[in-house]
Amino acid sequence: MKNNQTGSVLELFISIKGHPERFGKESITLDESGVIDDKYYAKNSERSILITSTDSYRLARENGIEASYSSLGENILIDINPYGMVPGDRLKIGSAILEITQNCTICNSLSKVDDRLPKILESSRGIFAKAVNDAVVRKGDKVDILK
């Protein structure tokens, strides 16, 4: 596989059952069922890990919406744009290999940030992936989009 684009992990987040806010982490542990300790762990392998680019937050800002990191629901925030990837494509984050499963569809939860956000981020909210191998992802890890 040839590397086409390289970046890094800026932030990591998990959701905890019973808490509306998301929690920032220095590292997250991944396996075939998703992000261990996340409330969505083992719920749906096709939607187990959400990866978002800083480009999504930039797009929101350009439209007058200030959204803090994690408000798009991501587990992994990266500084490169992976949205051109399609199901089956892979990326490497640190020692983790992730396979893209689907584009993230817009949900009503984004309206809690701003009513305009679902329309603005219609195809730029993020991508879902599943872990191909068990691994720990850390803030600062290198991200390689593999083609």
C-alpha atoms as a PDB file:
ATOM      1  CA  MET A   1       0.000   0.000   0.000  1.00  0.00           C
ATOM      2  CA  LYS A   2       1.230   3.445  -0.877  1.00  0.00           C
ATOM      3  CA  ASN A   3       0.817   6.419   1.469  1.00  0.00           C
ATOM      4  CA  ASN A   4      -1.009   9.324  -0.152  1.00  0.00           C
ATOM      5  CA  GLN A   5      -1.500  11.705   2.767  1.00  0.00           C
ATOM      6  CA  THR A   6      -0.047  12.064   6.254  1.00  0.00           C
ATOM      7  CA  GLY A   7      -1.240  13.956   9.327  1.00  0.00           C
ATOM      8  CA  SER A   8      -1.663  13.494  13.052  1.00  0.00           C
ATOM      9  CA  VAL A   9      -4.184  12.869  15.817  1.00  0.00           C
ATOM     10  CA  LEU A  10      -5.091  16.107  17.594  1.00  0.00           C
ATOM     11  CA  GLU A  11      -7.759  14.954  20.068  1.00  0.00           C
ATOM     12  CA  LEU A  12      -9.438  11.755  21.288  1.00  0.00           C
ATOM     13  CA  PHE A  13     -12.878  11.420  22.878  1.00  0.00           C
ATOM     14  CA  ILE A  14     -15.245   8.862  24.356  1.00  0.00           C
ATOM     15  CA  SER A  15     -18.887   8.973  25.400  1.00  0.00           C
ATOM     16  CA  ILE A  16     -19.893   7.522  28.748  1.00  0.00           C
ATOM     17  CA  LYS A  17     -23.394   6.223  29.389  1.00  0.00           C
ATOM     18  CA  GLY A  18     -25.412   8.630  31.523  1.00  0.00           C
ATOM     19  CA  HIS A  19     -23.228  11.657  30.694  1.00  0.00           C
ATOM     20  CA  PRO A  20     -24.233  14.087  27.937  1.00  0.00           C
ATOM     21  CA  GLU A  21     -20.720  15.507  27.555  1.00  0.00           C
ATOM     22  CA  ARG A  22     -17.850  13.734  25.808  1.00  0.00           C
ATOM     23  CA  PHE A  23     -14.605  13.077  27.606  1.00  0.00           C
ATOM     24  CA  GLY A  24     -11.180  13.923  26.205  1.00  0.00           C
ATOM     25  CA  LYS A  25      -8.557  11.194  26.499  1.00  0.00           C
ATOM     26  CA  GLU A  26      -4.807  10.985  25.974  1.00  0.00           C
ATOM     27  CA  SER A  27      -5.293   7.540  24.422  1.00  0.00           C
ATOM     28  CA  ILE A  28      -8.087   5.182  23.408  1.00  0.00           C
ATOM     29  CA  THR A  29      -7.982   1.412  23.001  1.00  0.00           C
ATOM     30  CA  LEU A  30      -9.540  -0.098  19.882  1.00  0.00           C
ATOM     31  CA  ASP A  31     -10.592  -3.624  18.989  1.00  0.00           C
ATOM     32  CA  GLU A  32     -12.996  -5.192  16.497  1.00  0.00           C
ATOM     33  CA  SER A  33     -15.971  -3.946  18.552  1.00  0.00           C
ATOM     34  CA  GLY A  34     -14.905  -0.304  18.584  1.00  0.00           C
ATOM     35  CA  VAL A  35     -13.535   2.031  21.242  1.00  0.00           C
ATOM     36  CA  ILE A  36     -13.228   0.211  24.555  1.00  0.00           C
ATOM     37  CA  ASP A  37     -15.025   2.096  27.390  1.00  0.00           C
ATOM     38  CA  ASP A  38     -17.125   4.135  24.923  1.00  0.00           C
ATOM     39  CA  LYS A  39     -20.898   3.838  25.408  1.00  0.00           C
ATOM     40  CA  TYR A  40     -21.247   2.758  21.753  1.00  0.00           C
ATOM     41  CA  TYR A  41     -18.728  -0.080  22.140  1.00  0.00           C
ATOM     42  CA  ALA A  42     -19.990  -3.355  20.599  1.00  0.00           C
ATOM     43  CA  LYS A  43     -23.229  -1.722  19.370  1.00  0.00           C
ATOM     44  CA  ASN A  44     -22.619  -1.601  15.594  1.00  0.00           C
ATOM     45  CA  SER A  45     -19.238  -2.508  14.095  1.00  0.00           C
ATOM     46  CA  GLU A  46     -19.982  -0.453  10.955  1.00  0.00           C
ATOM     47  CA  ARG A  47     -20.397   2.696  13.073  1.00  0.00           C
ATOM     48  CA  SER A  48     -18.001   1.971  15.903  1.00  0.00           C
ATOM     49  CA  ILE A  49     -15.299   4.645  15.441  1.00  0.00           C
ATOM     50  CA  LEU A  50     -16.032   8.174  14.176  1.00  0.00           C
ATOM     51  CA  ILE A  51     -13.115  10.079  12.648  1.00  0.00           C
ATOM     52  CA  THR A  52     -13.492  13.807  12.019  1.00  0.00           C
ATOM     53  CA  SER A  53     -11.163  16.304  10.376  1.00  0.00           C
ATOM     54  CA  THR A  54     -10.439  19.800  11.619  1.00  0.00           C
ATOM     55  CA  ASP A  55     -11.780  20.813   8.186  1.00  0.00           C
ATOM     56  CA  SER A  56     -15.300  20.167   9.532  1.00  0.00           C
ATOM     57  CA  TYR A  57     -14.777  22.654  12.356  1.00  0.00           C
ATOM     58  CA  ARG A  58     -13.226  25.153   9.924  1.00  0.00           C
ATOM     59  CA  LEU A  59     -16.285  24.826   7.665  1.00  0.00           C
ATOM     60  CA  ALA A  60     -18.570  25.496  10.634  1.00  0.00           C
ATOM     61  CA  ARG A  61     -16.502  28.580  11.612  1.00  0.00           C
ATOM     62  CA  GLU A  62     -16.606  29.889   8.032  1.00  0.00           C
ATOM     63  CA  ASN A  63     -20.400  29.787   8.347  1.00  0.00           C
ATOM     64  CA  GLY A  64     -20.425  31.667  11.648  1.00  0.00           C
ATOM     65  CA  ILE A  65     -20.736  28.634  13.930  1.00  0.00           C
ATOM     66  CA  GLU A  66     -18.313  28.175  16.801  1.00  0.00           C
ATOM     67  CA  ALA A  67     -18.261  24.500  17.720  1.00  0.00           C
ATOM     68  CA  SER A  68     -15.821  23.071  20.240  1.00  0.00           C
ATOM     69  CA  TYR A  69     -13.879  19.923  19.466  1.00  0.00           C
ATOM     70  CA  SER A  70     -15.953  16.800  20.303  1.00  0.00           C
ATOM     71  CA  SER A  71     -19.274  18.502  19.487  1.00  0.00           C
ATOM     72  CA  LEU A  72     -19.485  16.581  16.199  1.00  0.00           C
ATOM     73  CA  GLY A  73     -19.385  13.312  18.134  1.00  0.00           C
ATOM     74  CA  GLU A  74     -15.971  12.169  16.974  1.00  0.00           C
ATOM     75  CA  ASN A  75     -13.747   9.671  18.722  1.00  0.00           C
ATOM     76  CA  ILE A  76     -10.670  10.714  16.754  1.00  0.00           C
ATOM     77  CA  LEU A  77      -9.966  14.256  15.513  1.00  0.00           C
ATOM     78  CA  ILE A  78      -7.257  14.479  12.858  1.00  0.00           C
ATOM     79  CA  ASP A  79      -5.636  17.359  10.996  1.00  0.00           C
ATOM     80  CA  ILE A  80      -6.036  15.920   7.490  1.00  0.00           C
ATOM     81  CA  ASN A  81      -9.173  15.393   5.452  1.00  0.00           C
ATOM     82  CA  PRO A  82     -10.123  11.715   4.915  1.00  0.00           C
ATOM     83  CA  TYR A  83     -13.593  12.395   3.488  1.00  0.00           C
ATOM     84  CA  GLY A  84     -12.678  11.247  -0.010  1.00  0.00           C
ATOM     85  CA  MET A  85     -12.098   7.743   1.336  1.00  0.00           C
ATOM     86  CA  VAL A  86     -14.653   5.061   0.520  1.00  0.00           C
ATOM     87  CA  PRO A  87     -15.721   1.879   2.303  1.00  0.00           C
ATOM     88  CA  GLY A  88     -12.860  -0.616   2.241  1.00  0.00           C
ATOM     89  CA  ASP A  89     -10.125   2.053   2.183  1.00  0.00           C
ATOM     90  CA  ARG A  90      -7.752   1.961   5.130  1.00  0.00           C
ATOM     91  CA  LEU A  91      -5.812   4.350   7.240  1.00  0.00           C
ATOM     92  CA  LYS A  92      -3.094   3.783   9.779  1.00  0.00           C
ATOM     93  CA  ILE A  93      -3.120   5.700  13.040  1.00  0.00           C
ATOM     94  CA  GLY A  94      -0.082   4.866  15.157  1.00  0.00           C
ATOM     95  CA  SER A  95      -0.105   1.057  15.185  1.00  0.00           C
ATOM     96  CA  ALA A  96      -3.860   0.831  14.472  1.00  0.00           C
ATOM     97  CA  ILE A  97      -5.190  -0.105  11.050  1.00  0.00           C
ATOM     98  CA  LEU A  98      -8.724   1.219  10.484  1.00  0.00           C
ATOM     99  CA  GLU A  99     -11.007   0.285   7.605  1.00  0.00           C
ATOM    100  CA  ILE A 100     -13.538   2.835   6.416  1.00  0.00           C
ATOM    101  CA  THR A 101     -17.086   1.467   6.672  1.00  0.00           C
ATOM    102  CA  GLN A 102     -19.260   4.425   5.681  1.00  0.00           C
ATOM    103  CA  ASN A 103     -19.595   8.189   5.551  1.00  0.00           C
ATOM    104  CA  CYS A 104     -21.155   9.650   8.647  1.00  0.00           C
ATOM    105  CA  THR A 105     -24.738  10.642   8.074  1.00  0.00           C
ATOM    106  CA  ILE A 106     -25.994  13.842   9.599  1.00  0.00           C
ATOM    107  CA  CYS A 107     -28.105  13.397  12.699  1.00  0.00           C
ATOM    108  CA  ASN A 108     -30.321  15.755  14.651  1.00  0.00           C
ATOM    109  CA  SER A 109     -27.842  15.917  17.532  1.00  0.00           C
ATOM    110  CA  LEU A 110     -25.866  18.463  15.502  1.00  0.00           C
ATOM    111  CA  SER A 111     -28.839  20.827  15.746  1.00  0.00           C
ATOM    112  CA  LYS A 112     -28.064  21.127  19.459  1.00  0.00           C
ATOM    113  CA  VAL A 113     -24.888  22.966  18.452  1.00  0.00           C
ATOM    114  CA  ASP A 114     -26.611  25.103  15.788  1.00  0.00           C
ATOM    115  CA  ASP A 115     -29.723  24.561  13.655  1.00  0.00           C
ATOM    116  CA  ARG A 116     -27.702  25.242  10.485  1.00  0.00           C
ATOM    117  CA  LEU A 117     -24.965  22.700  11.221  1.00  0.00           C
ATOM    118  CA  PRO A 118     -26.611  19.552   9.742  1.00  0.00           C
ATOM    119  CA  LYS A 119     -27.000  21.265   6.355  1.00  0.00           C
ATOM    120  CA  ILE A 120     -23.526  22.858   6.410  1.00  0.00           C
ATOM    121  CA  LEU A 121     -21.787  19.567   7.253  1.00  0.00           C
ATOM    122  CA  GLU A 122     -24.039  17.420   5.076  1.00  0.00           C
ATOM    123  CA  SER A 123     -21.096  15.482   3.574  1.00  0.00           C
ATOM    124  CA  SER A 124     -18.290  16.728   5.813  1.00  0.00           C
ATOM    125  CA  ARG A 125     -19.052  15.592   9.356  1.00  0.00           C
ATOM    126  CA  GLY A 126     -16.786  12.550   9.425  1.00  0.00           C
ATOM    127  CA  ILE A 127     -16.283   8.951   8.443  1.00  0.00           C
ATOM    128  CA  PHE A 128     -16.926   5.735  10.314  1.00  0.00           C
ATOM    129  CA  ALA A 129     -14.295   3.038  10.562  1.00  0.00           C
ATOM    130  CA  LYS A 130     -13.712  -0.281  12.252  1.00  0.00           C
ATOM    131  CA  ALA A 131     -10.465  -1.504  13.757  1.00  0.00           C
ATOM    132  CA  VAL A 132      -8.691  -4.212  11.772  1.00  0.00           C
ATOM    133  CA  ASN A 133      -6.319  -4.915  14.672  1.00  0.00           C
ATOM    134  CA  ASP A 134      -6.313  -4.352  18.434  1.00  0.00           C
ATOM    135  CA  ALA A 135      -4.346  -1.193  19.164  1.00  0.00           C
ATOM    136  CA  VAL A 136      -3.979   1.903  21.307  1.00  0.00           C
ATOM    137  CA  VAL A 137      -4.315   5.291  19.580  1.00  0.00           C
ATOM    138  CA  ARG A 138      -2.646   8.259  21.257  1.00  0.00           C
ATOM    139  CA  LYS A 139      -2.825  12.005  20.800  1.00  0.00           C
ATOM    140  CA  GLY A 140      -0.007  12.995  18.471  1.00  0.00           C
ATOM    141  CA  ASP A 141       0.039   9.658  16.627  1.00  0.00           C
ATOM    142  CA  LYS A 142       0.868   9.832  12.946  1.00  0.00           C
ATOM    143  CA  VAL A 143      -2.064   9.280  10.542  1.00  0.00           C
ATOM    144  CA  ASP A 144      -1.425   7.747   7.112  1.00  0.00           C
ATOM    145  CA  ILE A 145      -4.192   7.467   4.530  1.00  0.00           C
ATOM    146  CA  LEU A 146      -3.400   4.223   2.722  1.00  0.00           C
ATOM    147  CA  LYS A 147      -4.373   3.673  -0.889  1.00  0.00           C
END
